[in-house]
Amino acid sequence: MSLAQELLDVLVCPQCKGDLIYRTEPVESLACPACRLVFAVEDDIPIMLLDEATPLD
């Protein structure tokens, strides 16, 4: 499944409040190019915690 467009329209990076890029490959995630962080999406729920973010490749 994928995230609803309405949700994607309102989500921002919790660190810089910038726009996020929705990625479906290799795994579903949201990426902040400004902060170079990736936020996981588990069971269609974005995990927007800074402590849980991983570095952008």
C-alpha atoms as a PDB file:
ATOM      1  CA  MET A   1       0.000   0.000   0.000  1.00  0.00           C
ATOM      2  CA  SER A   2       1.039   3.606  -0.274  1.00  0.00           C
ATOM      3  CA  LEU A   3       0.509   6.703   1.793  1.00  0.00           C
ATOM      4  CA  ALA A   4      -2.500   8.877   0.995  1.00  0.00           C
ATOM      5  CA  GLN A   5      -1.715  12.022  -0.989  1.00  0.00           C
ATOM      6  CA  GLU A   6      -3.548  14.111   1.624  1.00  0.00           C
ATOM      7  CA  LEU A   7      -1.068  12.901   4.252  1.00  0.00           C
ATOM      8  CA  LEU A   8       1.937  13.464   2.008  1.00  0.00           C
ATOM      9  CA  ASP A   9       0.749  17.033   1.379  1.00  0.00           C
ATOM     10  CA  VAL A  10       0.928  17.945   5.084  1.00  0.00           C
ATOM     11  CA  LEU A  11       3.970  15.982   6.291  1.00  0.00           C
ATOM     12  CA  VAL A  12       7.231  17.902   6.681  1.00  0.00           C
ATOM     13  CA  CYS A  13      10.628  17.061   8.095  1.00  0.00           C
ATOM     14  CA  PRO A  14      10.485  17.258  11.905  1.00  0.00           C
ATOM     15  CA  GLN A  15      13.956  18.812  11.999  1.00  0.00           C
ATOM     16  CA  CYS A  16      13.931  21.540   9.323  1.00  0.00           C
ATOM     17  CA  LYS A  17      10.205  21.624   8.417  1.00  0.00           C
ATOM     18  CA  GLY A  18      11.212  21.123   4.777  1.00  0.00           C
ATOM     19  CA  ASP A  19       9.509  19.077   2.079  1.00  0.00           C
ATOM     20  CA  LEU A  20       9.871  15.302   2.070  1.00  0.00           C
ATOM     21  CA  ILE A  21      10.333  12.949  -0.865  1.00  0.00           C
ATOM     22  CA  TYR A  22       8.162   9.826  -0.794  1.00  0.00           C
ATOM     23  CA  ARG A  23      10.131   6.746  -1.855  1.00  0.00           C
ATOM     24  CA  THR A  24       8.750   3.294  -2.505  1.00  0.00           C
ATOM     25  CA  GLU A  25      12.002   1.545  -3.463  1.00  0.00           C
ATOM     26  CA  PRO A  26      13.945  -0.236  -2.050  1.00  0.00           C
ATOM     27  CA  VAL A  27      11.582   0.181   0.908  1.00  0.00           C
ATOM     28  CA  GLU A  28       8.758   2.621   1.593  1.00  0.00           C
ATOM     29  CA  SER A  29      10.171   5.738   3.275  1.00  0.00           C
ATOM     30  CA  LEU A  30      10.173   9.523   3.425  1.00  0.00           C
ATOM     31  CA  ALA A  31      13.430  11.372   2.780  1.00  0.00           C
ATOM     32  CA  CYS A  32      14.489  14.917   3.597  1.00  0.00           C
ATOM     33  CA  PRO A  33      17.137  16.023   1.085  1.00  0.00           C
ATOM     34  CA  ALA A  34      18.010  19.134   3.168  1.00  0.00           C
ATOM     35  CA  CYS A  35      18.778  17.207   6.385  1.00  0.00           C
ATOM     36  CA  ARG A  36      19.830  14.037   4.533  1.00  0.00           C
ATOM     37  CA  LEU A  37      17.571  11.917   6.756  1.00  0.00           C
ATOM     38  CA  VAL A  38      15.272   9.019   5.913  1.00  0.00           C
ATOM     39  CA  PHE A  39      12.135   8.243   7.907  1.00  0.00           C
ATOM     40  CA  ALA A  40      10.728   4.725   7.732  1.00  0.00           C
ATOM     41  CA  VAL A  41       7.120   3.918   6.886  1.00  0.00           C
ATOM     42  CA  GLU A  42       5.837   0.835   8.727  1.00  0.00           C
ATOM     43  CA  ASP A  43       2.371  -0.577   8.048  1.00  0.00           C
ATOM     44  CA  ASP A  44       1.431   2.686   6.268  1.00  0.00           C
ATOM     45  CA  ILE A  45       2.474   4.754   9.312  1.00  0.00           C
ATOM     46  CA  PRO A  46       5.351   7.232   8.863  1.00  0.00           C
ATOM     47  CA  ILE A  47       7.826   7.062  11.757  1.00  0.00           C
ATOM     48  CA  MET A  48       8.743  10.751  12.037  1.00  0.00           C
ATOM     49  CA  LEU A  49      10.969  10.534  15.118  1.00  0.00           C
ATOM     50  CA  LEU A  50      14.433  12.062  14.737  1.00  0.00           C
ATOM     51  CA  ASP A  51      15.897   9.304  16.921  1.00  0.00           C
ATOM     52  CA  GLU A  52      14.565   6.694  14.485  1.00  0.00           C
ATOM     53  CA  ALA A  53      15.755   8.428  11.288  1.00  0.00           C
ATOM     54  CA  THR A  54      18.654   7.032   9.277  1.00  0.00           C
ATOM     55  CA  PRO A  55      21.174   8.900   7.082  1.00  0.00           C
ATOM     56  CA  LEU A  56      20.252   9.391   3.431  1.00  0.00           C
ATOM     57  CA  ASP A  57      22.505   7.361   1.107  1.00  0.00           C
END
